[in-house]
Amino acid sequence: MAVPENYGASSPNPDFLPVCIMNHRLVKSDYTVRLTIEMGNGHRIILPEREVQAVYPKIVYDYWKALGGRCSATGFDMWHPFHILGRRVKRGGNQLEYRVQWVGYSKRETSWESGEDLTIWSPELKEDYDKSVWMQE
């Protein structure tokens, strides 16, 4: 089907865009967070933090910053990989390390993690990243 000549992307309806995060709920069984989001139309929805960060990262980072940081607000001592930003060969060896961005944290708050650990924590994320790098080489 042909696209009409006058077709243009429209701005998203502000009624269905998030305005702010109202609060959070800890899911201690798996160390994740559910966020209560107020939408432009006044409705509130509850979504996993990972999903909100994937689409609207700024409101997640601003929310945690206002609470003094995610770690102090949640008390969690376990994190979940969100995105892999790079990889390198570990100094003095032939093992790969991956630069990991964590759920709830910005790209400026990353750490280098071993490939072995990443395979345990998030095998699909690591596999997808490795495939994308391999295809670029």
Protein backbone atom coordinates (compact mmCIF):
# COMPACT_ATOMS: atom_id res chain seq x y z
CA MET A 1 0.00 0.00 0.00
CA ALA A 2 1.38 3.41 -0.97
CA VAL A 3 1.90 6.09 1.65
CA PRO A 4 -0.23 9.19 0.95
CA GLU A 5 1.71 12.32 -0.06
CA ASN A 6 0.31 14.31 2.84
CA TYR A 7 1.26 11.65 5.38
CA GLY A 8 3.35 12.94 8.25
CA ALA A 9 4.17 11.72 11.71
CA SER A 10 2.04 13.44 14.28
CA SER A 11 3.10 14.43 17.75
CA PRO A 12 2.23 11.93 20.45
CA ASN A 13 -0.97 12.68 22.30
CA PRO A 14 0.12 14.30 25.61
CA ASP A 15 -2.73 12.52 27.40
CA PHE A 16 -0.84 9.27 26.94
CA LEU A 17 2.65 10.49 27.83
CA PRO A 18 4.08 10.10 31.33
CA VAL A 19 4.11 13.24 33.44
CA CYS A 20 5.99 11.94 36.45
CA ILE A 21 6.70 8.97 38.66
CA MET A 22 4.45 9.11 41.71
CA ASN A 23 6.08 6.35 43.77
CA HIS A 24 7.74 2.99 43.57
CA ARG A 25 7.19 -0.49 44.94
CA LEU A 26 9.99 -2.95 45.64
CA VAL A 27 9.72 -6.52 44.43
CA LYS A 28 12.14 -8.07 46.88
CA SER A 29 11.85 -11.59 45.45
CA ASP A 30 13.77 -10.57 42.32
CA TYR A 31 15.27 -7.20 43.30
CA THR A 32 13.21 -5.23 40.81
CA VAL A 33 11.10 -2.10 41.09
CA ARG A 34 7.61 -1.24 39.86
CA LEU A 35 6.95 2.43 39.19
CA THR A 36 3.60 4.19 39.48
CA ILE A 37 3.45 6.61 36.56
CA GLU A 38 1.02 9.52 36.26
CA MET A 39 -0.01 10.01 32.66
CA GLY A 40 -1.03 13.28 31.00
CA ASN A 41 -4.70 12.31 31.26
CA GLY A 42 -4.43 11.88 35.04
CA HIS A 43 -4.55 8.09 34.97
CA ARG A 44 -1.93 6.17 36.87
CA ILE A 45 -0.30 3.00 35.64
CA ILE A 46 2.20 0.64 37.22
CA LEU A 47 5.10 -0.51 35.06
CA PRO A 48 8.40 -2.32 35.59
CA GLU A 49 11.27 0.14 35.98
CA ARG A 50 13.14 -1.48 33.07
CA GLU A 51 10.26 -0.74 30.67
CA VAL A 52 10.01 2.90 31.72
CA GLN A 53 13.77 3.38 31.47
CA ALA A 54 13.80 1.92 27.97
CA VAL A 55 11.37 4.55 26.67
CA TYR A 56 11.57 7.50 29.09
CA PRO A 57 14.95 7.26 30.83
CA LYS A 58 15.07 10.87 32.02
CA ILE A 59 12.06 10.58 34.29
CA VAL A 60 13.56 7.46 35.89
CA TYR A 61 16.93 9.13 36.51
CA ASP A 62 15.30 12.33 37.81
CA TYR A 63 13.05 10.34 40.14
CA TRP A 64 15.92 8.45 41.75
CA LYS A 65 18.04 11.60 41.97
CA ALA A 66 15.25 13.38 43.87
CA LEU A 67 15.22 10.49 46.36
CA GLY A 68 18.96 10.61 46.94
CA GLY A 69 19.83 7.83 44.52
CA ARG A 70 18.35 4.49 43.59
CA CYS A 71 20.57 2.45 45.88
CA SER A 72 19.68 4.39 49.02
CA ALA A 73 15.98 4.59 48.07
CA THR A 74 15.62 0.85 47.46
CA GLY A 75 18.22 -0.63 49.78
CA PHE A 76 18.91 -3.25 47.12
CA ASP A 77 22.42 -4.66 46.90
CA MET A 78 21.76 -6.48 43.63
CA TRP A 79 21.44 -4.87 40.20
CA HIS A 80 20.17 -5.97 36.80
CA PRO A 81 22.01 -5.30 33.53
CA PHE A 82 20.09 -2.89 31.32
CA HIS A 83 22.38 -2.35 28.35
CA ILE A 84 25.89 -3.23 27.21
CA LEU A 85 27.80 -0.18 26.02
CA GLY A 86 31.10 -1.75 25.00
CA ARG A 87 33.63 -4.47 25.56
CA ARG A 88 37.38 -4.80 25.94
CA VAL A 89 40.03 -7.41 26.56
CA LYS A 90 40.93 -7.50 30.24
CA ARG A 91 44.44 -6.29 30.97
CA GLY A 92 46.99 -9.04 31.25
CA GLY A 93 44.78 -11.69 29.78
CA ASN A 94 42.47 -12.76 27.07
CA GLN A 95 39.15 -12.49 28.91
CA LEU A 96 36.51 -10.06 27.73
CA GLU A 97 34.98 -7.44 29.99
CA TYR A 98 31.75 -5.64 29.18
CA ARG A 99 30.77 -2.08 30.03
CA VAL A 100 27.35 -2.48 31.63
CA GLN A 101 24.64 0.09 32.22
CA TRP A 102 22.32 -0.99 35.02
CA VAL A 103 18.55 -0.77 35.38
CA GLY A 104 17.77 2.54 37.09
CA TYR A 105 21.15 4.10 36.30
CA SER A 106 22.30 6.36 33.49
CA LYS A 107 25.00 5.69 30.91
CA ARG A 108 27.38 7.67 33.11
CA GLU A 109 27.03 5.15 35.94
CA THR A 110 28.46 2.00 34.41
CA SER A 111 30.92 -0.67 35.40
CA TRP A 112 33.14 -3.18 33.66
CA GLU A 113 32.03 -6.75 34.29
CA SER A 114 33.45 -10.10 33.25
CA GLY A 115 31.86 -11.98 30.39
CA GLU A 116 31.40 -14.97 32.70
CA ASP A 117 29.38 -12.95 35.20
CA LEU A 118 27.31 -11.32 32.48
CA THR A 119 26.49 -14.76 31.05
CA ILE A 120 25.04 -15.71 34.43
CA TRP A 121 23.17 -12.44 35.06
CA SER A 122 21.76 -11.81 31.60
CA PRO A 123 22.71 -14.38 28.96
CA GLU A 124 20.34 -13.04 26.29
CA LEU A 125 21.64 -9.49 26.63
CA LYS A 126 25.24 -10.67 26.30
CA GLU A 127 24.45 -12.97 23.38
CA ASP A 128 22.57 -10.23 21.51
CA TYR A 129 25.43 -7.79 22.08
CA ASP A 130 28.08 -10.28 20.96
CA LYS A 131 26.08 -11.06 17.80
CA SER A 132 25.72 -7.36 16.97
CA VAL A 133 29.46 -6.77 17.41
CA TRP A 134 30.32 -9.86 15.38
CA MET A 135 28.09 -8.65 12.52
CA GLN A 136 29.88 -5.28 12.51
CA GLU A 137 33.35 -6.84 12.32
